[in-house]
């Protein structure tokens, strides 16, 4: 879950699943989408 400053709410991250997984669940990466349609921006 992440906070979207535009929508002013918390939304689940929807990783594309193409990358690495941990216990069968995909990691979220830069540019993956959230449930509201926003893109994640890496802080690194």
N, C-alpha and C. Protein backbone atom coordinates (compact mmCIF):
# COMPACT_ATOMS: atom_id res chain seq x y z
N UNK A 1 0.85 -1.18 0.00
CA UNK A 1 0.00 0.00 0.00
C UNK A 1 0.89 1.24 0.00
N UNK A 2 0.49 2.23 -0.77
CA UNK A 2 1.21 3.50 -0.82
C UNK A 2 0.21 4.65 -0.84
N UNK A 3 0.69 5.82 -0.49
CA UNK A 3 -0.16 7.01 -0.47
C UNK A 3 -0.04 7.74 -1.80
N UNK A 4 -1.17 8.14 -2.39
CA UNK A 4 -1.17 8.92 -3.62
C UNK A 4 -1.49 10.37 -3.28
N UNK A 5 -0.54 11.29 -3.51
CA UNK A 5 -0.80 12.69 -3.18
C UNK A 5 -1.88 13.34 -4.06
N UNK A 6 -2.06 12.83 -5.27
CA UNK A 6 -3.08 13.40 -6.16
C UNK A 6 -4.49 12.98 -5.73
N UNK A 7 -4.67 11.70 -5.44
CA UNK A 7 -5.97 11.17 -5.04
C UNK A 7 -6.24 11.33 -3.55
N UNK A 8 -5.20 11.65 -2.79
CA UNK A 8 -5.30 11.84 -1.33
C UNK A 8 -5.78 10.58 -0.60
N UNK A 9 -5.26 9.44 -1.03
CA UNK A 9 -5.64 8.20 -0.37
C UNK A 9 -4.56 7.14 -0.45
N UNK A 10 -4.78 6.03 0.25
CA UNK A 10 -3.87 4.89 0.23
C UNK A 10 -4.40 3.85 -0.74
N UNK A 11 -3.52 3.34 -1.60
CA UNK A 11 -3.93 2.38 -2.62
C UNK A 11 -2.92 1.24 -2.71
N UNK A 12 -3.38 0.02 -3.03
CA UNK A 12 -2.46 -1.09 -3.20
C UNK A 12 -1.60 -0.90 -4.45
N UNK A 13 -0.39 -1.43 -4.37
CA UNK A 13 0.53 -1.42 -5.51
C UNK A 13 0.23 -2.66 -6.34
N UNK A 14 0.22 -2.50 -7.67
CA UNK A 14 -0.05 -3.62 -8.57
C UNK A 14 1.20 -3.92 -9.39
N UNK A 15 2.16 -4.69 -8.82
CA UNK A 15 3.37 -5.00 -9.57
C UNK A 15 3.05 -5.81 -10.82
N UNK A 16 3.87 -5.63 -11.87
CA UNK A 16 3.59 -6.33 -13.13
C UNK A 16 3.93 -7.81 -13.07
N UNK A 17 4.69 -8.24 -12.06
CA UNK A 17 4.99 -9.66 -11.88
C UNK A 17 6.12 -10.18 -12.73
N UNK A 18 6.76 -9.34 -13.53
CA UNK A 18 7.83 -9.78 -14.42
C UNK A 18 9.17 -9.92 -13.70
N UNK A 19 9.31 -9.31 -12.53
CA UNK A 19 10.58 -9.31 -11.82
C UNK A 19 10.67 -10.41 -10.78
N UNK A 20 11.55 -10.19 -9.81
CA UNK A 20 11.78 -11.16 -8.74
C UNK A 20 10.55 -11.32 -7.86
N UNK A 21 10.50 -12.47 -7.18
CA UNK A 21 9.39 -12.74 -6.27
C UNK A 21 9.93 -13.15 -4.91
N UNK A 22 9.14 -12.92 -3.88
CA UNK A 22 9.45 -13.34 -2.52
C UNK A 22 8.25 -14.12 -1.99
N UNK A 23 8.47 -15.38 -1.67
CA UNK A 23 7.38 -16.25 -1.21
C UNK A 23 6.21 -16.25 -2.18
N UNK A 24 6.53 -16.24 -3.48
CA UNK A 24 5.52 -16.31 -4.51
C UNK A 24 4.85 -15.00 -4.89
N UNK A 25 5.20 -13.92 -4.19
CA UNK A 25 4.58 -12.61 -4.48
C UNK A 25 5.61 -11.71 -5.14
N UNK A 26 5.22 -11.00 -6.21
CA UNK A 26 6.18 -10.14 -6.92
C UNK A 26 6.54 -8.88 -6.15
N UNK A 27 7.78 -8.45 -6.32
CA UNK A 27 8.24 -7.18 -5.77
C UNK A 27 7.65 -6.04 -6.59
N UNK A 28 7.51 -4.89 -5.99
CA UNK A 28 7.11 -3.68 -6.72
C UNK A 28 8.37 -2.97 -7.19
N UNK A 29 8.35 -2.45 -8.39
CA UNK A 29 9.49 -1.75 -8.99
C UNK A 29 9.08 -0.35 -9.44
N UNK A 30 10.08 0.46 -9.72
CA UNK A 30 9.88 1.80 -10.27
C UNK A 30 8.97 1.70 -11.50
N UNK A 31 8.01 2.57 -11.60
CA UNK A 31 7.03 2.66 -12.70
C UNK A 31 5.91 1.63 -12.64
N UNK A 32 5.87 0.76 -11.62
CA UNK A 32 4.70 -0.10 -11.46
C UNK A 32 3.51 0.80 -11.10
N UNK A 33 2.31 0.31 -11.36
CA UNK A 33 1.11 1.11 -11.11
C UNK A 33 0.49 0.81 -9.75
N UNK A 34 -0.26 1.78 -9.25
CA UNK A 34 -1.07 1.58 -8.06
C UNK A 34 -2.51 1.36 -8.52
N UNK A 35 -3.38 0.99 -7.59
CA UNK A 35 -4.79 0.74 -7.93
C UNK A 35 -5.49 1.98 -8.47
N UNK A 36 -5.00 3.19 -8.12
CA UNK A 36 -5.63 4.41 -8.63
C UNK A 36 -5.06 4.82 -9.99
N UNK A 37 -4.03 4.10 -10.47
CA UNK A 37 -3.44 4.40 -11.77
C UNK A 37 -2.16 5.21 -11.73
N UNK A 38 -1.74 5.62 -10.53
CA UNK A 38 -0.48 6.38 -10.41
C UNK A 38 0.71 5.45 -10.61
N UNK A 39 1.84 6.01 -11.05
CA UNK A 39 3.07 5.24 -11.22
C UNK A 39 3.98 5.46 -10.02
N UNK A 40 4.62 4.38 -9.58
CA UNK A 40 5.60 4.50 -8.50
C UNK A 40 6.85 5.18 -9.01
N UNK A 41 7.44 6.02 -8.18
CA UNK A 41 8.69 6.71 -8.51
C UNK A 41 9.71 6.32 -7.46
N UNK A 42 10.80 5.73 -7.89
CA UNK A 42 11.85 5.30 -6.96
C UNK A 42 12.51 6.51 -6.31
N UNK A 43 12.80 6.38 -5.03
CA UNK A 43 13.47 7.48 -4.31
C UNK A 43 14.99 7.32 -4.33
N UNK A 44 15.48 6.26 -4.95
CA UNK A 44 16.93 6.03 -5.00
C UNK A 44 17.48 6.56 -6.31
